[in-house]
Structures are given as C-alpha cells and as structure tokens.
C-alpha cells in the first residue's frame, strides 16, 4: 500500500527504513522523503513507525 502518493513511498519501504534504525518522522522524511510533499501521509507514516518500534521492542523483551 502506498503511504506517500507524492513520492510513491510504500508501507513496506517505511517499515524497512524503521527496521534499519529510523526512529522519528524526521528521519523517515530525510531517508525516504515521507511528508515532504503535501504532508497528508505524515500521520500514517508515524503510525507505521510506531508499529515497527512496538514490534521490535516486543521481540527484544521476549
């Protein structure tokens, strides 16, 4: 699914970037360009980032 239509960035790309260490929306914007167009994707990208961070923390503590 596309997260950012302006820059053709997919949910998978956001997840991969987060797994590689992006820990903020600013880092996603810097790495991928998320939110650099109209900005409507910022909330969705933040949600995906939180999901990955939560999954990673559960994996580490389990």
PDB file of N, CA and C in Angstrom:
ATOM      1  N   UNK A   1       0.855  -1.176   0.000  1.00  0.00           N
ATOM      2  CA  UNK A   1       0.000   0.000   0.000  1.00  0.00           C
ATOM      3  C   UNK A   1       0.899   1.236   0.000  1.00  0.00           C
ATOM      4  N   UNK A   2       0.477   2.243  -0.740  1.00  0.00           N
ATOM      5  CA  UNK A   2       1.231   3.489  -0.753  1.00  0.00           C
ATOM      6  C   UNK A   2       0.896   4.327   0.473  1.00  0.00           C
ATOM      7  N   UNK A   3       1.925   4.794   1.140  1.00  0.00           N
ATOM      8  CA  UNK A   3       1.788   5.699   2.282  1.00  0.00           C
ATOM      9  C   UNK A   3       1.845   7.131   1.778  1.00  0.00           C
ATOM     10  N   UNK A   4       2.814   7.403   0.916  1.00  0.00           N
ATOM     11  CA  UNK A   4       3.032   8.746   0.388  1.00  0.00           C
ATOM     12  C   UNK A   4       2.848   8.717  -1.130  1.00  0.00           C
ATOM     13  N   UNK A   5       1.740   9.266  -1.575  1.00  0.00           N
ATOM     14  CA  UNK A   5       1.442   9.301  -3.007  1.00  0.00           C
ATOM     15  C   UNK A   5       2.369  10.284  -3.718  1.00  0.00           C
ATOM     16  N   UNK A   6       2.661  11.397  -3.088  1.00  0.00           N
ATOM     17  CA  UNK A   6       3.509  12.421  -3.724  1.00  0.00           C
ATOM     18  C   UNK A   6       4.868  11.874  -4.141  1.00  0.00           C
ATOM     19  N   UNK A   7       5.434  10.995  -3.297  1.00  0.00           N
ATOM     20  CA  UNK A   7       6.770  10.471  -3.543  1.00  0.00           C
ATOM     21  C   UNK A   7       6.789   8.967  -3.807  1.00  0.00           C
ATOM     22  N   UNK A   8       5.608   8.380  -4.005  1.00  0.00           N
ATOM     23  CA  UNK A   8       5.469   6.946  -4.312  1.00  0.00           C
ATOM     24  C   UNK A   8       6.202   6.064  -3.297  1.00  0.00           C
ATOM     25  N   UNK A   9       5.947   6.321  -2.011  1.00  0.00           N
ATOM     26  CA  UNK A   9       6.589   5.565  -0.940  1.00  0.00           C
ATOM     27  C   UNK A   9       5.572   4.596  -0.347  1.00  0.00           C
ATOM     28  N   UNK A  10       5.974   3.337  -0.297  1.00  0.00           N
ATOM     29  CA  UNK A  10       5.072   2.294   0.179  1.00  0.00           C
ATOM     30  C   UNK A  10       5.217   2.055   1.678  1.00  0.00           C
ATOM     31  N   UNK A  11       4.221   1.375   2.221  1.00  0.00           N
ATOM     32  CA  UNK A  11       4.270   0.978   3.628  1.00  0.00           C
ATOM     33  C   UNK A  11       5.482   0.089   3.878  1.00  0.00           C
ATOM     34  N   UNK A  12       5.773  -0.805   2.949  1.00  0.00           N
ATOM     35  CA  UNK A  12       6.939  -1.691   3.102  1.00  0.00           C
ATOM     36  C   UNK A  12       8.236  -0.896   3.171  1.00  0.00           C
ATOM     37  N   UNK A  13       8.353   0.148   2.379  1.00  0.00           N
ATOM     38  CA  UNK A  13       9.561   0.982   2.405  1.00  0.00           C
ATOM     39  C   UNK A  13       9.701   1.679   3.756  1.00  0.00           C
ATOM     40  N   UNK A  14       8.592   2.156   4.302  1.00  0.00           N
ATOM     41  CA  UNK A  14       8.616   2.814   5.615  1.00  0.00           C
ATOM     42  C   UNK A  14       8.997   1.805   6.691  1.00  0.00           C
ATOM     43  N   UNK A  15       8.415   0.611   6.632  1.00  0.00           N
ATOM     44  CA  UNK A  15       8.740  -0.430   7.612  1.00  0.00           C
ATOM     45  C   UNK A  15      10.221  -0.806   7.539  1.00  0.00           C
ATOM     46  N   UNK A  16      10.738  -0.978   6.341  1.00  0.00           N
ATOM     47  CA  UNK A  16      12.146  -1.344   6.176  1.00  0.00           C
ATOM     48  C   UNK A  16      13.074  -0.261   6.720  1.00  0.00           C
ATOM     49  N   UNK A  17      12.748   0.982   6.438  1.00  0.00           N
ATOM     50  CA  UNK A  17      13.551   2.097   6.927  1.00  0.00           C
ATOM     51  C   UNK A  17      13.529   2.130   8.461  1.00  0.00           C
ATOM     52  N   UNK A  18      12.373   1.879   9.042  1.00  0.00           N
ATOM     53  CA  UNK A  18      12.257   1.850  10.504  1.00  0.00           C
ATOM     54  C   UNK A  18      13.056   0.692  11.079  1.00  0.00           C
ATOM     55  N   UNK A  19      13.022  -0.461  10.431  1.00  0.00           N
ATOM     56  CA  UNK A  19      13.798  -1.618  10.903  1.00  0.00           C
ATOM     57  C   UNK A  19      15.304  -1.353  10.836  1.00  0.00           C
ATOM     58  N   UNK A  20      15.697  -0.519   9.894  1.00  0.00           N
ATOM     59  CA  UNK A  20      17.120  -0.195   9.735  1.00  0.00           C
ATOM     60  C   UNK A  20      17.572   0.913  10.673  1.00  0.00           C
ATOM     61  N   UNK A  21      16.639   1.442  11.490  1.00  0.00           N
ATOM     62  CA  UNK A  21      17.065   2.381  12.513  1.00  0.00           C
ATOM     63  C   UNK A  21      16.378   3.732  12.539  1.00  0.00           C
ATOM     64  N   UNK A  22      15.575   4.053  11.548  1.00  0.00           N
ATOM     65  CA  UNK A  22      14.848   5.332  11.606  1.00  0.00           C
ATOM     66  C   UNK A  22      13.928   5.301  12.816  1.00  0.00           C
ATOM     67  N   UNK A  23      14.012   6.321  13.657  1.00  0.00           N
ATOM     68  CA  UNK A  23      13.213   6.304  14.877  1.00  0.00           C
ATOM     69  C   UNK A  23      12.339   7.544  15.029  1.00  0.00           C
ATOM     70  N   UNK A  24      12.251   8.342  13.966  1.00  0.00           N
ATOM     71  CA  UNK A  24      11.380   9.518  14.015  1.00  0.00           C
ATOM     72  C   UNK A  24      10.849   9.817  12.618  1.00  0.00           C
ATOM     73  N   UNK A  25       9.810  10.602  12.585  1.00  0.00           N
ATOM     74  CA  UNK A  25       9.240  11.016  11.306  1.00  0.00           C
ATOM     75  C   UNK A  25      10.238  11.864  10.530  1.00  0.00           C
ATOM     76  N   UNK A  26      11.023  12.652  11.233  1.00  0.00           N
ATOM     77  CA  UNK A  26      12.051  13.455  10.564  1.00  0.00           C
ATOM     78  C   UNK A  26      13.081  12.571   9.871  1.00  0.00           C
ATOM     79  N   UNK A  27      13.445  11.477  10.506  1.00  0.00           N
ATOM     80  CA  UNK A  27      14.390  10.556   9.876  1.00  0.00           C
ATOM     81  C   UNK A  27      13.772   9.881   8.660  1.00  0.00           C
ATOM     82  N   UNK A  28      12.499   9.507   8.750  1.00  0.00           N
ATOM     83  CA  UNK A  28      11.815   8.937   7.593  1.00  0.00           C
ATOM     84  C   UNK A  28      11.764   9.944   6.452  1.00  0.00           C
ATOM     85  N   UNK A  29      11.516  11.189   6.794  1.00  0.00           N
ATOM     86  CA  UNK A  29      11.471  12.240   5.776  1.00  0.00           C
ATOM     87  C   UNK A  29      12.837  12.409   5.117  1.00  0.00           C
ATOM     88  N   UNK A  30      13.874  12.365   5.907  1.00  0.00           N
ATOM     89  CA  UNK A  30      15.226  12.523   5.388  1.00  0.00           C
ATOM     90  C   UNK A  30      15.635  11.343   4.504  1.00  0.00           C
ATOM     91  N   UNK A  31      15.324  10.141   4.955  1.00  0.00           N
ATOM     92  CA  UNK A  31      15.716   8.930   4.231  1.00  0.00           C
ATOM     93  C   UNK A  31      14.859   8.666   2.995  1.00  0.00           C
ATOM     94  N   UNK A  32      13.539   8.838   3.148  1.00  0.00           N
ATOM     95  CA  UNK A  32      12.613   8.434   2.090  1.00  0.00           C
ATOM     96  C   UNK A  32      11.901   9.588   1.390  1.00  0.00           C
ATOM     97  N   UNK A  33      11.767  10.690   2.088  1.00  0.00           N
ATOM     98  CA  UNK A  33      11.003  11.804   1.541  1.00  0.00           C
ATOM     99  C   UNK A  33       9.556  11.838   2.009  1.00  0.00           C
ATOM    100  N   UNK A  34       9.233  10.996   2.981  1.00  0.00           N
ATOM    101  CA  UNK A  34       7.864  10.952   3.513  1.00  0.00           C
ATOM    102  C   UNK A  34       7.484  12.319   4.069  1.00  0.00           C
ATOM    103  N   UNK A  35       6.357  12.835   3.667  1.00  0.00           N
ATOM    104  CA  UNK A  35       5.845  14.094   4.199  1.00  0.00           C
ATOM    105  C   UNK A  35       6.447  15.336   3.585  1.00  0.00           C
ATOM    106  N   UNK A  36       7.294  15.182   2.598  1.00  0.00           N
ATOM    107  CA  UNK A  36       7.928  16.362   2.002  1.00  0.00           C
ATOM    108  C   UNK A  36       7.087  17.014   0.909  1.00  0.00           C
ATOM    109  N   UNK A  37       5.987  16.357   0.529  1.00  0.00           N
ATOM    110  CA  UNK A  37       5.072  16.935  -0.454  1.00  0.00           C
ATOM    111  C   UNK A  37       3.934  17.628   0.277  1.00  0.00           C
ATOM    112  N   UNK A  38       2.752  17.082   0.121  1.00  0.00           N
ATOM    113  CA  UNK A  38       1.562  17.697   0.718  1.00  0.00           C
ATOM    114  C   UNK A  38       1.480  17.495   2.231  1.00  0.00           C
ATOM    115  N   UNK A  39       2.133  16.428   2.745  1.00  0.00           N
ATOM    116  CA  UNK A  39       2.159  16.178   4.185  1.00  0.00           C
ATOM    117  C   UNK A  39       1.028  15.328   4.715  1.00  0.00           C
ATOM    118  N   UNK A  40       0.112  14.927   3.870  1.00  0.00           N
ATOM    119  CA  UNK A  40      -1.025  14.132   4.344  1.00  0.00           C
ATOM    120  C   UNK A  40      -0.619  12.750   4.835  1.00  0.00           C
ATOM    121  N   UNK A  41       0.524  12.276   4.438  1.00  0.00           N
ATOM    122  CA  UNK A  41       0.974  10.936   4.804  1.00  0.00           C
ATOM    123  C   UNK A  41       1.646  10.881   6.174  1.00  0.00           C
ATOM    124  N   UNK A  42       1.915  12.009   6.759  1.00  0.00           N
ATOM    125  CA  UNK A  42       2.705  12.044   7.987  1.00  0.00           C
ATOM    126  C   UNK A  42       2.070  11.228   9.119  1.00  0.00           C
ATOM    127  N   UNK A  43       0.766  11.333   9.301  1.00  0.00           N
ATOM    128  CA  UNK A  43       0.104  10.584  10.372  1.00  0.00           C
ATOM    129  C   UNK A  43       0.211   9.081  10.142  1.00  0.00           C
ATOM    130  N   UNK A  44      -0.027   8.655   8.917  1.00  0.00           N
ATOM    131  CA  UNK A  44       0.035   7.232   8.584  1.00  0.00           C
ATOM    132  C   UNK A  44       1.463   6.712   8.721  1.00  0.00           C
ATOM    133  N   UNK A  45       2.432   7.470   8.255  1.00  0.00           N
ATOM    134  CA  UNK A  45       3.835   7.068   8.375  1.00  0.00           C
ATOM    135  C   UNK A  45       4.236   6.968   9.845  1.00  0.00           C
ATOM    136  N   UNK A  46       3.768   7.878  10.661  1.00  0.00           N
ATOM    137  CA  UNK A  46       4.053   7.829  12.104  1.00  0.00           C
ATOM    138  C   UNK A  46       3.463   6.582  12.737  1.00  0.00           C
ATOM    139  N   UNK A  47       2.276   6.223  12.308  1.00  0.00           N
ATOM    140  CA  UNK A  47       1.615   5.029  12.833  1.00  0.00           C
ATOM    141  C   UNK A  47       2.395   3.768  12.455  1.00  0.00           C
ATOM    142  N   UNK A  48       2.846   3.682  11.220  1.00  0.00           N
ATOM    143  CA  UNK A  48       3.642   2.536  10.780  1.00  0.00           C
ATOM    144  C   UNK A  48       4.951   2.487  11.568  1.00  0.00           C
ATOM    145  N   UNK A  49       5.579   3.619  11.760  1.00  0.00           N
ATOM    146  CA  UNK A  49       6.813   3.698  12.535  1.00  0.00           C
ATOM    147  C   UNK A  49       6.588   3.181  13.952  1.00  0.00           C
ATOM    148  N   UNK A  50       5.520   3.621  14.594  1.00  0.00           N
ATOM    149  CA  UNK A  50       5.193   3.146  15.954  1.00  0.00           C
ATOM    150  C   UNK A  50       4.961   1.635  15.962  1.00  0.00           C
ATOM    151  N   UNK A  51       4.266   1.125  14.946  1.00  0.00           N
ATOM    152  CA  UNK A  51       4.018  -0.320  14.867  1.00  0.00           C
ATOM    153  C   UNK A  51       5.327  -1.100  14.828  1.00  0.00           C
ATOM    154  N   UNK A  52       6.254  -0.642  14.006  1.00  0.00           N
ATOM    155  CA  UNK A  52       7.545  -1.322  13.887  1.00  0.00           C
ATOM    156  C   UNK A  52       8.312  -1.223  15.194  1.00  0.00           C
ATOM    157  N   UNK A  53       8.323  -0.065  15.798  1.00  0.00           N
ATOM    158  CA  UNK A  53       9.038   0.115  17.065  1.00  0.00           C
ATOM    159  C   UNK A  53       8.447  -0.768  18.150  1.00  0.00           C
ATOM    160  N   UNK A  54       7.138  -0.870  18.200  1.00  0.00           N
ATOM    161  CA  UNK A  54       6.468  -1.730  19.180  1.00  0.00           C
ATOM    162  C   UNK A  54       6.820  -3.192  18.940  1.00  0.00           C
ATOM    163  N   UNK A  55       6.771  -3.612  17.693  1.00  0.00           N
ATOM    164  CA  UNK A  55       7.114  -4.999  17.351  1.00  0.00           C
ATOM    165  C   UNK A  55       8.564  -5.300  17.699  1.00  0.00           C
ATOM    166  N   UNK A  56       9.443  -4.357  17.433  1.00  0.00           N
ATOM    167  CA  UNK A  56      10.868  -4.536  17.742  1.00  0.00           C
ATOM    168  C   UNK A  56      11.079  -4.630  19.246  1.00  0.00           C
ATOM    169  N   UNK A  57      10.398  -3.796  20.018  1.00  0.00           N
ATOM    170  CA  UNK A  57      10.577  -3.827  21.474  1.00  0.00           C
ATOM    171  C   UNK A  57      10.015  -5.113  22.071  1.00  0.00           C
ATOM    172  N   UNK A  58       8.933  -5.634  21.491  1.00  0.00           N
ATOM    173  CA  UNK A  58       8.384  -6.898  21.975  1.00  0.00           C
ATOM    174  C   UNK A  58       9.318  -8.052  21.653  1.00  0.00           C
ATOM    175  N   UNK A  59       9.987  -7.984  20.524  1.00  0.00           N
ATOM    176  CA  UNK A  59      10.931  -9.023  20.134  1.00  0.00           C
ATOM    177  C   UNK A  59      12.158  -9.009  21.047  1.00  0.00           C
ATOM    178  N   UNK A  60      12.617  -7.832  21.399  1.00  0.00           N
ATOM    179  CA  UNK A  60      13.797  -7.699  22.253  1.00  0.00           C
ATOM    180  C   UNK A  60      13.500  -8.170  23.676  1.00  0.00           C
ATOM    181  N   UNK A  61      12.319  -7.854  24.193  1.00  0.00           N
ATOM    182  CA  UNK A  61      11.999  -8.197  25.578  1.00  0.00           C
ATOM    183  C   UNK A  61      11.486  -9.630  25.728  1.00  0.00           C
ATOM    184  N   UNK A  62      11.124 -10.260  24.633  1.00  0.00           N
ATOM    185  CA  UNK A  62      10.558 -11.629  24.718  1.00  0.00           C
ATOM    186  C   UNK A  62      11.607 -12.692  24.891  1.00  0.00           C
TER     187      UNK A  62
END
